Amino acid sequence: MTANLSGLRILVAEDDYFIATDIARALRARGAEIIGPASNVDRALELADGELDGAVLDINLGGRMAFAVADALCARGIPFVFATGYDHTVIPEGYSSSGYFEKPFDFDRISTTLDSACRNSPS
């Protein structure tokens, strides 16, 4: 069953244009309003300060690790998933409750994880 992301504002932070477009298209097809995509850490941090329900983060944005974005989202109680080419061992232990998806992506699994995390989030 495909997740219904209707009414959810999802930040996409990915520096590869084609991958960002694929993620945005897949989430939009499931009803999400896409914020971004942000292709670098600074822009992702700006957008993470806005009205969001969840986020999809690549670990490396333009040569910088995106953990500052993850920290900003955690501080606000906004759930997120990592969608990356990096191995899960790169992710610090403090983010173990966040979803992790390795390229190539299964957009149904990403959507289902986001839907569950966002709708069950206390924020």
PDB file of N, CA and C in Angstrom:
ATOM      1  N   MET A   1       0.844  -1.187   0.000  1.00  0.00           N
ATOM      2  CA  MET A   1       0.000   0.000   0.000  1.00  0.00           C
ATOM      3  C   MET A   1       0.889   1.250   0.000  1.00  0.00           C
ATOM      4  N   THR A   2       0.556   2.197  -0.824  1.00  0.00           N
ATOM      5  CA  THR A   2       1.322   3.429  -0.930  1.00  0.00           C
ATOM      6  C   THR A   2       0.926   4.398   0.183  1.00  0.00           C
ATOM      7  N   ALA A   3       1.916   4.992   0.810  1.00  0.00           N
ATOM      8  CA  ALA A   3       1.663   5.961   1.878  1.00  0.00           C
ATOM      9  C   ALA A   3       0.978   7.198   1.321  1.00  0.00           C
ATOM     10  N   ASN A   4       0.136   7.804   2.150  1.00  0.00           N
ATOM     11  CA  ASN A   4      -0.517   9.052   1.782  1.00  0.00           C
ATOM     12  C   ASN A   4       0.153  10.169   2.575  1.00  0.00           C
ATOM     13  N   LEU A   5       0.889  11.010   1.896  1.00  0.00           N
ATOM     14  CA  LEU A   5       1.607  12.105   2.541  1.00  0.00           C
ATOM     15  C   LEU A   5       0.858  13.433   2.435  1.00  0.00           C
ATOM     16  N   SER A   6      -0.415  13.378   2.088  1.00  0.00           N
ATOM     17  CA  SER A   6      -1.219  14.598   1.938  1.00  0.00           C
ATOM     18  C   SER A   6      -1.166  15.439   3.201  1.00  0.00           C
ATOM     19  N   GLY A   7      -0.951  16.731   2.994  1.00  0.00           N
ATOM     20  CA  GLY A   7      -0.920  17.673   4.099  1.00  0.00           C
ATOM     21  C   GLY A   7       0.421  17.764   4.799  1.00  0.00           C
ATOM     22  N   LEU A   8       1.398  16.967   4.381  1.00  0.00           N
ATOM     23  CA  LEU A   8       2.713  16.999   5.017  1.00  0.00           C
ATOM     24  C   LEU A   8       3.689  17.834   4.194  1.00  0.00           C
ATOM     25  N   ARG A   9       4.415  18.710   4.887  1.00  0.00           N
ATOM     26  CA  ARG A   9       5.438  19.548   4.257  1.00  0.00           C
ATOM     27  C   ARG A   9       6.791  18.883   4.513  1.00  0.00           C
ATOM     28  N   ILE A  10       7.407  18.397   3.426  1.00  0.00           N
ATOM     29  CA  ILE A  10       8.629  17.598   3.534  1.00  0.00           C
ATOM     30  C   ILE A  10       9.803  18.328   2.877  1.00  0.00           C
ATOM     31  N   LEU A  11      10.846  18.556   3.670  1.00  0.00           N
ATOM     32  CA  LEU A  11      12.086  19.131   3.158  1.00  0.00           C
ATOM     33  C   LEU A  11      12.875  18.040   2.446  1.00  0.00           C
ATOM     34  N   VAL A  12      13.354  18.351   1.250  1.00  0.00           N
ATOM     35  CA  VAL A  12      14.257  17.456   0.531  1.00  0.00           C
ATOM     36  C   VAL A  12      15.601  18.161   0.448  1.00  0.00           C
ATOM     37  N   ALA A  13      16.626  17.525   1.019  1.00  0.00           N
ATOM     38  CA  ALA A  13      17.990  18.064   0.993  1.00  0.00           C
ATOM     39  C   ALA A  13      18.875  17.048   0.280  1.00  0.00           C
ATOM     40  N   GLU A  14      19.195  17.359  -0.960  1.00  0.00           N
ATOM     41  CA  GLU A  14      19.964  16.461  -1.836  1.00  0.00           C
ATOM     42  C   GLU A  14      20.705  17.320  -2.852  1.00  0.00           C
ATOM     43  N   ASP A  15      22.009  17.070  -3.015  1.00  0.00           N
ATOM     44  CA  ASP A  15      22.801  17.913  -3.910  1.00  0.00           C
ATOM     45  C   ASP A  15      22.847  17.436  -5.357  1.00  0.00           C
ATOM     46  N   ASP A  16      22.404  16.242  -5.629  1.00  0.00           N
ATOM     47  CA  ASP A  16      22.353  15.756  -7.008  1.00  0.00           C
ATOM     48  C   ASP A  16      20.990  16.131  -7.590  1.00  0.00           C
ATOM     49  N   TYR A  17      21.000  16.964  -8.627  1.00  0.00           N
ATOM     50  CA  TYR A  17      19.764  17.487  -9.202  1.00  0.00           C
ATOM     51  C   TYR A  17      18.788  16.374  -9.593  1.00  0.00           C
ATOM     52  N   PHE A  18      19.280  15.350 -10.251  1.00  0.00           N
ATOM     53  CA  PHE A  18      18.393  14.291 -10.748  1.00  0.00           C
ATOM     54  C   PHE A  18      17.806  13.473  -9.601  1.00  0.00           C
ATOM     55  N   ILE A  19      18.609  13.179  -8.605  1.00  0.00           N
ATOM     56  CA  ILE A  19      18.103  12.435  -7.450  1.00  0.00           C
ATOM     57  C   ILE A  19      17.116  13.286  -6.670  1.00  0.00           C
ATOM     58  N   ALA A  20      17.433  14.573  -6.469  1.00  0.00           N
ATOM     59  CA  ALA A  20      16.516  15.477  -5.771  1.00  0.00           C
ATOM     60  C   ALA A  20      15.175  15.543  -6.498  1.00  0.00           C
ATOM     61  N   THR A  21      15.231  15.616  -7.816  1.00  0.00           N
ATOM     62  CA  THR A  21      14.013  15.662  -8.622  1.00  0.00           C
ATOM     63  C   THR A  21      13.218  14.374  -8.485  1.00  0.00           C
ATOM     64  N   ASP A  22      13.905  13.231  -8.490  1.00  0.00           N
ATOM     65  CA  ASP A  22      13.222  11.943  -8.327  1.00  0.00           C
ATOM     66  C   ASP A  22      12.548  11.833  -6.964  1.00  0.00           C
ATOM     67  N   ILE A  23      13.269  12.236  -5.909  1.00  0.00           N
ATOM     68  CA  ILE A  23      12.695  12.175  -4.557  1.00  0.00           C
ATOM     69  C   ILE A  23      11.485  13.094  -4.462  1.00  0.00           C
ATOM     70  N   ALA A  24      11.649  14.332  -4.918  1.00  0.00           N
ATOM     71  CA  ALA A  24      10.553  15.301  -4.861  1.00  0.00           C
ATOM     72  C   ALA A  24       9.339  14.805  -5.644  1.00  0.00           C
ATOM     73  N   ARG A  25       9.573  14.291  -6.825  1.00  0.00           N
ATOM     74  CA  ARG A  25       8.472  13.792  -7.664  1.00  0.00           C
ATOM     75  C   ARG A  25       7.750  12.633  -6.967  1.00  0.00           C
ATOM     76  N   ALA A  26       8.513  11.707  -6.400  1.00  0.00           N
ATOM     77  CA  ALA A  26       7.910  10.546  -5.744  1.00  0.00           C
ATOM     78  C   ALA A  26       7.085  10.956  -4.529  1.00  0.00           C
ATOM     79  N   LEU A  27       7.601  11.872  -3.729  1.00  0.00           N
ATOM     80  CA  LEU A  27       6.874  12.311  -2.542  1.00  0.00           C
ATOM     81  C   LEU A  27       5.665  13.160  -2.915  1.00  0.00           C
ATOM     82  N   ARG A  28       5.825  14.001  -3.928  1.00  0.00           N
ATOM     83  CA  ARG A  28       4.709  14.833  -4.402  1.00  0.00           C
ATOM     84  C   ARG A  28       3.581  13.938  -4.935  1.00  0.00           C
ATOM     85  N   ALA A  29       3.939  12.854  -5.626  1.00  0.00           N
ATOM     86  CA  ALA A  29       2.935  11.927  -6.158  1.00  0.00           C
ATOM     87  C   ALA A  29       2.135  11.263  -5.034  1.00  0.00           C
ATOM     88  N   ARG A  30       2.705  11.241  -3.842  1.00  0.00           N
ATOM     89  CA  ARG A  30       2.033  10.661  -2.683  1.00  0.00           C
ATOM     90  C   ARG A  30       1.361  11.738  -1.834  1.00  0.00           C
ATOM     91  N   GLY A  31       1.326  12.973  -2.356  1.00  0.00           N
ATOM     92  CA  GLY A  31       0.573  14.046  -1.728  1.00  0.00           C
ATOM     93  C   GLY A  31       1.366  15.062  -0.929  1.00  0.00           C
ATOM     94  N   ALA A  32       2.670  14.879  -0.771  1.00  0.00           N
ATOM     95  CA  ALA A  32       3.479  15.797   0.038  1.00  0.00           C
ATOM     96  C   ALA A  32       3.669  17.135  -0.660  1.00  0.00           C
ATOM     97  N   GLU A  33       3.787  18.173   0.152  1.00  0.00           N
ATOM     98  CA  GLU A  33       4.231  19.474  -0.342  1.00  0.00           C
ATOM     99  C   GLU A  33       5.745  19.493  -0.128  1.00  0.00           C
ATOM    100  N   ILE A  34       6.493  19.714  -1.197  1.00  0.00           N
ATOM    101  CA  ILE A  34       7.951  19.652  -1.122  1.00  0.00           C
ATOM    102  C   ILE A  34       8.527  21.026  -0.793  1.00  0.00           C
ATOM    103  N   ILE A  35       9.409  21.034   0.200  1.00  0.00           N
ATOM    104  CA  ILE A  35      10.158  22.230   0.565  1.00  0.00           C
ATOM    105  C   ILE A  35      11.569  22.012   0.046  1.00  0.00           C
ATOM    106  N   GLY A  36      12.038  22.927  -0.784  1.00  0.00           N
ATOM    107  CA  GLY A  36      13.334  22.759  -1.438  1.00  0.00           C
ATOM    108  C   GLY A  36      13.110  22.297  -2.858  1.00  0.00           C
ATOM    109  N   PRO A  37      13.972  21.446  -3.328  1.00  0.00           N
ATOM    110  CA  PRO A  37      15.112  20.812  -2.687  1.00  0.00           C
ATOM    111  C   PRO A  37      16.247  21.799  -2.360  1.00  0.00           C
ATOM    112  N   ALA A  38      16.951  21.472  -1.297  1.00  0.00           N
ATOM    113  CA  ALA A  38      18.140  22.224  -0.884  1.00  0.00           C
ATOM    114  C   ALA A  38      19.359  21.419  -1.307  1.00  0.00           C
ATOM    115  N   SER A  39      20.302  22.082  -1.975  1.00  0.00           N
ATOM    116  CA  SER A  39      21.474  21.368  -2.484  1.00  0.00           C
ATOM    117  C   SER A  39      22.724  21.568  -1.640  1.00  0.00           C
ATOM    118  N   ASN A  40      22.602  22.370  -0.563  1.00  0.00           N
ATOM    119  CA  ASN A  40      23.767  22.555   0.314  1.00  0.00           C
ATOM    120  C   ASN A  40      23.301  22.716   1.757  1.00  0.00           C
ATOM    121  N   VAL A  41      24.229  22.582   2.679  1.00  0.00           N
ATOM    122  CA  VAL A  41      23.908  22.614   4.102  1.00  0.00           C
ATOM    123  C   VAL A  41      23.299  23.946   4.519  1.00  0.00           C
ATOM    124  N   ASP A  42      23.874  25.051   4.052  1.00  0.00           N
ATOM    125  CA  ASP A  42      23.358  26.364   4.459  1.00  0.00           C
ATOM    126  C   ASP A  42      21.900  26.549   4.053  1.00  0.00           C
ATOM    127  N   ARG A  43      21.570  26.191   2.826  1.00  0.00           N
ATOM    128  CA  ARG A  43      20.180  26.336   2.360  1.00  0.00           C
ATOM    129  C   ARG A  43      19.261  25.372   3.106  1.00  0.00           C
ATOM    130  N   ALA A  44      19.741  24.165   3.355  1.00  0.00           N
ATOM    131  CA  ALA A  44      18.941  23.193   4.092  1.00  0.00           C
ATOM    132  C   ALA A  44      18.653  23.699   5.510  1.00  0.00           C
ATOM    133  N   LEU A  45      19.640  24.336   6.135  1.00  0.00           N
ATOM    134  CA  LEU A  45      19.433  24.894   7.474  1.00  0.00           C
ATOM    135  C   LEU A  45      18.400  26.016   7.448  1.00  0.00           C
ATOM    136  N   GLU A  46      18.458  26.857   6.418  1.00  0.00           N
ATOM    137  CA  GLU A  46      17.458  27.922   6.281  1.00  0.00           C
ATOM    138  C   GLU A  46      16.054  27.332   6.181  1.00  0.00           C
ATOM    139  N   LEU A  47      15.908  26.340   5.319  1.00  0.00           N
ATOM    140  CA  LEU A  47      14.597  25.729   5.108  1.00  0.00           C
ATOM    141  C   LEU A  47      14.144  24.918   6.320  1.00  0.00           C
ATOM    142  N   ALA A  48      15.087  24.343   7.051  1.00  0.00           N
ATOM    143  CA  ALA A  48      14.758  23.554   8.249  1.00  0.00           C
ATOM    144  C   ALA A  48      14.184  24.424   9.356  1.00  0.00           C
ATOM    145  N   ASP A  49      14.367  25.724   9.226  1.00  0.00           N
ATOM    146  CA  ASP A  49      13.846  26.675  10.206  1.00  0.00           C
ATOM    147  C   ASP A  49      12.382  27.027   9.947  1.00  0.00           C
ATOM    148  N   GLY A  50      11.858  26.580   8.813  1.00  0.00           N
ATOM    149  CA  GLY A  50      10.491  26.919   8.431  1.00  0.00           C
ATOM    150  C   GLY A  50       9.482  25.885   8.897  1.00  0.00           C
ATOM    151  N   GLU A  51       8.286  26.004   8.370  1.00  0.00           N
ATOM    152  CA  GLU A  51       7.200  25.100   8.733  1.00  0.00           C
ATOM    153  C   GLU A  51       7.379  23.773   7.998  1.00  0.00           C
ATOM    154  N   LEU A  52       7.707  22.734   8.755  1.00  0.00           N
ATOM    155  CA  LEU A  52       7.965  21.408   8.190  1.00  0.00           C
ATOM    156  C   LEU A  52       7.280  20.341   9.024  1.00  0.00           C
ATOM    157  N   ASP A  53       7.012  19.220   8.367  1.00  0.00           N
ATOM    158  CA  ASP A  53       6.520  18.039   9.073  1.00  0.00           C
ATOM    159  C   ASP A  53       7.558  16.930   9.074  1.00  0.00           C
ATOM    160  N   GLY A  54       8.483  16.962   8.116  1.00  0.00           N
ATOM    161  CA  GLY A  54       9.493  15.929   8.004  1.00  0.00           C
ATOM    162  C   GLY A  54      10.527  16.313   6.967  1.00  0.00           C
ATOM    163  N   ALA A  55      11.529  15.447   6.810  1.00  0.00           N
ATOM    164  CA  ALA A  55      12.600  15.750   5.860  1.00  0.00           C
ATOM    165  C   ALA A  55      13.257  14.467   5.358  1.00  0.00           C
ATOM    166  N   VAL A  56      13.822  14.591   4.167  1.00  0.00           N
ATOM    167  CA  VAL A  56      14.668  13.560   3.573  1.00  0.00           C
ATOM    168  C   VAL A  56      16.030  14.210   3.374  1.00  0.00           C
ATOM    169  N   LEU A  57      17.066  13.649   4.004  1.00  0.00           N
ATOM    170  CA  LEU A  57      18.406  14.240   3.964  1.00  0.00           C
ATOM    171  C   LEU A  57      19.417  13.313   3.325  1.00  0.00           C
ATOM    172  N   ASP A  58      20.178  13.850   2.390  1.00  0.00           N
ATOM    173  CA  ASP A  58      21.393  13.179   1.956  1.00  0.00           C
ATOM    174  C   ASP A  58      22.435  13.505   3.020  1.00  0.00           C
ATOM    175  N   ILE A  59      23.359  12.613   3.263  1.00  0.00           N
ATOM    176  CA  ILE A  59      24.359  12.849   4.312  1.00  0.00           C
ATOM    177  C   ILE A  59      25.403  13.873   3.877  1.00  0.00           C
ATOM    178  N   ASN A  60      25.735  13.869   2.603  1.00  0.00           N
ATOM    179  CA  ASN A  60      26.748  14.794   2.092  1.00  0.00           C
ATOM    180  C   ASN A  60      26.074  15.755   1.124  1.00  0.00           C
ATOM    181  N   LEU A  61      26.087  17.027   1.479  1.00  0.00           N
ATOM    182  CA  LEU A  61      25.495  18.064   0.623  1.00  0.00           C
ATOM    183  C   LEU A  61      26.599  18.985   0.142  1.00  0.00           C
ATOM    184  N   GLY A  62      26.971  18.862  -1.098  1.00  0.00           N
ATOM    185  CA  GLY A  62      27.984  19.733  -1.673  1.00  0.00           C
ATOM    186  C   GLY A  62      29.338  19.637  -0.981  1.00  0.00           C
ATOM    187  N   GLY A  63      29.685  18.460  -0.504  1.00  0.00           N
ATOM    188  CA  GLY A  63      30.980  18.266   0.133  1.00  0.00           C
ATOM    189  C   GLY A  63      30.980  18.485   1.635  1.00  0.00           C
ATOM    190  N   ARG A  64      29.833  18.850   2.207  1.00  0.00           N
ATOM    191  CA  ARG A  64      29.720  19.028   3.666  1.00  0.00           C
ATOM    192  C   ARG A  64      28.738  18.014   4.234  1.00  0.00           C
ATOM    193  N   MET A  65      29.098  17.438   5.355  1.00  0.00           N
ATOM    194  CA  MET A  65      28.206  16.494   6.013  1.00  0.00           C
ATOM    195  C   MET A  65      26.987  17.262   6.540  1.00  0.00           C
ATOM    196  N   ALA A  66      25.819  16.661   6.423  1.00  0.00           N
ATOM    197  CA  ALA A  66      24.555  17.328   6.729  1.00  0.00           C
ATOM    198  C   ALA A  66      24.068  17.085   8.159  1.00  0.00           C
ATOM    199  N   PHE A  67      24.955  16.687   9.056  1.00  0.00           N
ATOM    200  CA  PHE A  67      24.520  16.401  10.418  1.00  0.00           C
ATOM    201  C   PHE A  67      24.050  17.650  11.157  1.00  0.00           C
ATOM    202  N   ALA A  68      24.534  18.841  10.772  1.00  0.00           N
ATOM    203  CA  ALA A  68      24.026  20.077  11.379  1.00  0.00           C
ATOM    204  C   ALA A  68      22.540  20.256  11.052  1.00  0.00           C
ATOM    205  N   VAL A  69      22.139  19.838   9.862  1.00  0.00           N
ATOM    206  CA  VAL A  69      20.720  19.903   9.477  1.00  0.00           C
ATOM    207  C   VAL A  69      19.924  18.904  10.317  1.00  0.00           C
ATOM    208  N   ALA A  70      20.468  17.706  10.459  1.00  0.00           N
ATOM    209  CA  ALA A  70      19.812  16.696  11.290  1.00  0.00           C
ATOM    210  C   ALA A  70      19.660  17.201  12.722  1.00  0.00           C
ATOM    211  N   ASP A  71      20.705  17.834  13.252  1.00  0.00           N
ATOM    212  CA  ASP A  71      20.633  18.388  14.610  1.00  0.00           C
ATOM    213  C   ASP A  71      19.539  19.441  14.729  1.00  0.00           C
ATOM    214  N   ALA A  72      19.449  20.323  13.728  1.00  0.00           N
ATOM    215  CA  ALA A  72      18.425  21.376  13.742  1.00  0.00           C
ATOM    216  C   ALA A  72      17.024  20.770  13.720  1.00  0.00           C
ATOM    217  N   LEU A  73      16.846  19.727  12.921  1.00  0.00           N
ATOM    218  CA  LEU A  73      15.546  19.063  12.858  1.00  0.00           C
ATOM    219  C   LEU A  73      15.229  18.364  14.176  1.00  0.00           C
ATOM    220  N   CYS A  74      16.218  17.688  14.743  1.00  0.00           N
ATOM    221  CA  CYS A  74      16.024  17.013  16.041  1.00  0.00           C
ATOM    222  C   CYS A  74      15.624  18.015  17.122  1.00  0.00           C
ATOM    223  N   ALA A  75      16.279  19.164  17.130  1.00  0.00           N
ATOM    224  CA  ALA A  75      15.999  20.183  18.138  1.00  0.00           C
ATOM    225  C   ALA A  75      14.555  20.668  18.059  1.00  0.00           C
ATOM    226  N   ARG A  76      13.988  20.620  16.870  1.00  0.00           N
ATOM    227  CA  ARG A  76      12.600  21.053  16.672  1.00  0.00           C
ATOM    228  C   ARG A  76      11.604  19.900  16.733  1.00  0.00           C
ATOM    229  N   GLY A  77      12.107  18.675  16.914  1.00  0.00           N
ATOM    230  CA  GLY A  77      11.219  17.512  16.976  1.00  0.00           C
ATOM    231  C   GLY A  77      10.651  17.114  15.632  1.00  0.00           C
ATOM    232  N   ILE A  78      11.359  17.459  14.559  1.00  0.00           N
ATOM    233  CA  ILE A  78      10.888  17.148  13.211  1.00  0.00           C
ATOM    234  C   ILE A  78      11.546  15.847  12.749  1.00  0.00           C
ATOM    235  N   PRO A  79      10.755  14.840  12.441  1.00  0.00           N
ATOM    236  CA  PRO A  79      11.321  13.568  11.999  1.00  0.00           C
ATOM    237  C   PRO A  79      11.942  13.675  10.614  1.00  0.00           C
ATOM    238  N   PHE A  80      12.943  12.837  10.380  1.00  0.00           N
ATOM    239  CA  PHE A  80      13.607  12.823   9.073  1.00  0.00           C
ATOM    240  C   PHE A  80      14.156  11.437   8.802  1.00  0.00           C
ATOM    241  N   VAL A  81      14.475  11.212   7.534  1.00  0.00           N
ATOM    242  CA  VAL A  81      15.158   9.996   7.119  1.00  0.00           C
ATOM    243  C   VAL A  81      16.400  10.397   6.337  1.00  0.00           C
ATOM    244  N   PHE A  82      17.405   9.562   6.425  1.00  0.00           N
ATOM    245  CA  PHE A  82      18.588   9.728   5.593  1.00  0.00           C
ATOM    246  C   PHE A  82      18.376   8.918   4.323  1.00  0.00           C
ATOM    247  N   ALA A  83      18.625   9.530   3.182  1.00  0.00           N
ATOM    248  CA  ALA A  83      18.576   8.860   1.891  1.00  0.00           C
ATOM    249  C   ALA A  83      19.906   9.169   1.225  1.00  0.00           C
ATOM    250  N   THR A  84      20.773   8.187   1.136  1.00  0.00           N
ATOM    251  CA  THR A  84      22.162   8.475   0.815  1.00  0.00           C
ATOM    252  C   THR A  84      22.867   7.302   0.145  1.00  0.00           C
ATOM    253  N   GLY A  85      24.001   7.571  -0.415  1.00  0.00           N
ATOM    254  CA  GLY A  85      24.860   6.530  -0.949  1.00  0.00           C
ATOM    255  C   GLY A  85      25.858   6.036   0.083  1.00  0.00           C
ATOM    256  N   TYR A  86      25.903   6.723   1.222  1.00  0.00           N
ATOM    257  CA  TYR A  86      26.825   6.343   2.295  1.00  0.00           C
ATOM    258  C   TYR A  86      26.316   5.111   3.033  1.00  0.00           C
ATOM    259  N   ASP A  87      27.243   4.333   3.537  1.00  0.00           N
ATOM    260  CA  ASP A  87      26.933   3.186   4.366  1.00  0.00           C
ATOM    261  C   ASP A  87      26.378   3.677   5.708  1.00  0.00           C
ATOM    262  N   HIS A  88      25.508   2.909   6.316  1.00  0.00           N
ATOM    263  CA  HIS A  88      24.881   3.307   7.579  1.00  0.00           C
ATOM    264  C   HIS A  88      25.887   3.521   8.710  1.00  0.00           C
ATOM    265  N   THR A  89      27.096   2.966   8.595  1.00  0.00           N
ATOM    266  CA  THR A  89      28.093   3.118   9.660  1.00  0.00           C
ATOM    267  C   THR A  89      28.601   4.555   9.781  1.00  0.00           C
ATOM    268  N   VAL A  90      28.354   5.389   8.786  1.00  0.00           N
ATOM    269  CA  VAL A  90      28.762   6.800   8.812  1.00  0.00           C
ATOM    270  C   VAL A  90      27.847   7.627   9.729  1.00  0.00           C
ATOM    271  N   ILE A  91      26.653   7.123   9.965  1.00  0.00           N
ATOM    272  CA  ILE A  91      25.666   7.872  10.738  1.00  0.00           C
ATOM    273  C   ILE A  91      25.969   7.742  12.229  1.00  0.00           C
ATOM    274  N   PRO A  92      26.137   8.864  12.924  1.00  0.00           N
ATOM    275  CA  PRO A  92      26.382   8.812  14.370  1.00  0.00           C
ATOM    276  C   PRO A  92      25.236   8.126  15.117  1.00  0.00           C
ATOM    277  N   GLU A  93      25.579   7.496  16.215  1.00  0.00           N
ATOM    278  CA  GLU A  93      24.627   6.720  16.992  1.00  0.00           C
ATOM    279  C   GLU A  93      23.402   7.523  17.430  1.00  0.00           C
ATOM    280  N   GLY A  94      23.562   8.805  17.655  1.00  0.00           N
ATOM    281  CA  GLY A  94      22.452   9.643  18.101  1.00  0.00           C
ATOM    282  C   GLY A  94      21.289   9.727  17.132  1.00  0.00           C
ATOM    283  N   TYR A  95      21.497   9.300  15.910  1.00  0.00           N
ATOM    284  CA  TYR A  95      20.438   9.343  14.901  1.00  0.00           C
ATOM    285  C   TYR A  95      19.856   7.969  14.616  1.00  0.00           C
ATOM    286  N   SER A  96      20.066   7.022  15.501  1.00  0.00           N
ATOM    287  CA  SER A  96      19.650   5.646  15.250  1.00  0.00           C
ATOM    288  C   SER A  96      18.140   5.494  15.072  1.00  0.00           C
ATOM    289  N   SER A  97      17.354   6.434  15.600  1.00  0.00           N
ATOM    290  CA  SER A  97      15.899   6.329  15.444  1.00  0.00           C
ATOM    291  C   SER A  97      15.414   6.882  14.102  1.00  0.00           C
ATOM    292  N   SER A  98      16.289   7.550  13.380  1.00  0.00           N
ATOM    293  CA  SER A  98      15.926   8.076  12.061  1.00  0.00           C
ATOM    294  C   SER A  98      15.994   6.959  11.035  1.00  0.00           C
ATOM    295  N   GLY A  99      15.127   7.036  10.047  1.00  0.00           N
ATOM    296  CA  GLY A  99      15.173   6.059   8.977  1.00  0.00           C
ATOM    297  C   GLY A  99      16.436   6.215   8.151  1.00  0.00           C
ATOM    298  N   TYR A 100      16.852   5.127   7.544  1.00  0.00           N
ATOM    299  CA  TYR A 100      18.049   5.132   6.701  1.00  0.00           C
ATOM    300  C   TYR A 100      17.735   4.355   5.432  1.00  0.00           C
ATOM    301  N   PHE A 101      17.988   4.987   4.288  1.00  0.00           N
ATOM    302  CA  PHE A 101      17.749   4.360   3.001  1.00  0.00           C
ATOM    303  C   PHE A 101      18.966   4.573   2.121  1.00  0.00           C
ATOM    304  N   GLU A 102      19.465   3.492   1.561  1.00  0.00           N
ATOM    305  CA  GLU A 102      20.645   3.548   0.711  1.00  0.00           C
ATOM    306  C   GLU A 102      20.230   3.545  -0.753  1.00  0.00           C
ATOM    307  N   LYS A 103      20.966   4.294  -1.567  1.00  0.00           N
ATOM    308  CA  LYS A 103      20.693   4.343  -2.996  1.00  0.00           C
ATOM    309  C   LYS A 103      20.958   2.961  -3.592  1.00  0.00           C
ATOM    310  N   PRO A 104      20.166   2.512  -4.552  1.00  0.00           N
ATOM    311  CA  PRO A 104      18.965   3.131  -5.130  1.00  0.00           C
ATOM    312  C   PRO A 104      17.791   3.041  -4.154  1.00  0.00           C
ATOM    313  N   PHE A 105      16.924   4.036  -4.195  1.00  0.00           N
ATOM    314  CA  PHE A 105      15.865   4.178  -3.208  1.00  0.00           C
ATOM    315  C   PHE A 105      14.603   3.407  -3.557  1.00  0.00           C
ATOM    316  N   ASP A 106      13.955   2.954  -2.515  1.00  0.00           N
ATOM    317  CA  ASP A 106      12.617   2.386  -2.609  1.00  0.00           C
ATOM    318  C   ASP A 106      11.680   3.484  -2.081  1.00  0.00           C
ATOM    319  N   PHE A 107      11.066   4.222  -2.996  1.00  0.00           N
ATOM    320  CA  PHE A 107      10.263   5.379  -2.603  1.00  0.00           C
ATOM    321  C   PHE A 107       9.034   4.998  -1.790  1.00  0.00           C
ATOM    322  N   ASP A 108       8.504   3.812  -1.982  1.00  0.00           N
ATOM    323  CA  ASP A 108       7.374   3.379  -1.155  1.00  0.00           C
ATOM    324  C   ASP A 108       7.810   3.226   0.295  1.00  0.00           C
ATOM    325  N   ARG A 109       8.982   2.652   0.524  1.00  0.00           N
ATOM    326  CA  ARG A 109       9.477   2.488   1.896  1.00  0.00           C
ATOM    327  C   ARG A 109       9.804   3.837   2.535  1.00  0.00           C
ATOM    328  N   ILE A 110      10.427   4.728   1.763  1.00  0.00           N
ATOM    329  CA  ILE A 110      10.713   6.070   2.286  1.00  0.00           C
ATOM    330  C   ILE A 110       9.412   6.770   2.658  1.00  0.00           C
ATOM    331  N   SER A 111       8.431   6.708   1.779  1.00  0.00           N
ATOM    332  CA  SER A 111       7.147   7.374   2.016  1.00  0.00           C
ATOM    333  C   SER A 111       6.433   6.801   3.230  1.00  0.00           C
ATOM    334  N   THR A 112       6.425   5.493   3.349  1.00  0.00           N
ATOM    335  CA  THR A 112       5.762   4.846   4.480  1.00  0.00           C
ATOM    336  C   THR A 112       6.439   5.230   5.794  1.00  0.00           C
ATOM    337  N   THR A 113       7.770   5.246   5.799  1.00  0.00           N
ATOM    338  CA  THR A 113       8.513   5.619   6.999  1.00  0.00           C
ATOM    339  C   THR A 113       8.238   7.068   7.374  1.00  0.00           C
ATOM    340  N   LEU A 114       8.262   7.970   6.386  1.00  0.00           N
ATOM    341  CA  LEU A 114       7.970   9.381   6.643  1.00  0.00           C
ATOM    342  C   LEU A 114       6.541   9.570   7.147  1.00  0.00           C
ATOM    343  N   ASP A 115       5.605   8.917   6.501  1.00  0.00           N
ATOM    344  CA  ASP A 115       4.206   9.034   6.896  1.00  0.00           C
ATOM    345  C   ASP A 115       4.032   8.640   8.360  1.00  0.00           C
ATOM    346  N   SER A 116       4.581   7.513   8.724  1.00  0.00           N
ATOM    347  CA  SER A 116       4.473   7.036  10.103  1.00  0.00           C
ATOM    348  C   SER A 116       5.164   7.975  11.077  1.00  0.00           C
ATOM    349  N   ALA A 117       6.381   8.393  10.752  1.00  0.00           N
ATOM    350  CA  ALA A 117       7.152   9.268  11.653  1.00  0.00           C
ATOM    351  C   ALA A 117       6.466  10.626  11.812  1.00  0.00           C
ATOM    352  N   CYS A 118       6.012  11.198  10.727  1.00  0.00           N
ATOM    353  CA  CYS A 118       5.405  12.532  10.783  1.00  0.00           C
ATOM    354  C   CYS A 118       4.072  12.526  11.510  1.00  0.00           C
ATOM    355  N   ARG A 119       3.284  11.535  11.267  1.00  0.00           N
ATOM    356  CA  ARG A 119       1.949  11.501  11.870  1.00  0.00           C
ATOM    357  C   ARG A 119       1.986  11.063  13.336  1.00  0.00           C
ATOM    358  N   ASN A 120       3.084  10.434  13.746  1.00  0.00           N
ATOM    359  CA  ASN A 120       3.223  10.022  15.136  1.00  0.00           C
ATOM    360  C   ASN A 120       4.156  10.925  15.930  1.00  0.00           C
ATOM    361  N   SER A 121       4.614  12.000  15.297  1.00  0.00           N
ATOM    362  CA  SER A 121       5.528  12.941  15.943  1.00  0.00           C
ATOM    363  C   SER A 121       4.754  13.845  16.891  1.00  0.00           C
ATOM    364  N   PRO A 122       5.315  14.116  18.079  1.00  0.00           N
ATOM    365  CA  PRO A 122       4.624  14.984  19.028  1.00  0.00           C
ATOM    366  C   PRO A 122       4.597  16.448  18.615  1.00  0.00           C
ATOM    367  N   SER A 123       5.407  16.843  17.600  1.00  0.00           N
ATOM    368  CA  SER A 123       5.454  18.260  17.216  1.00  0.00           C
ATOM    369  C   SER A 123       4.255  18.691  16.416  1.00  0.00           C
TER     370      SER A 123
END
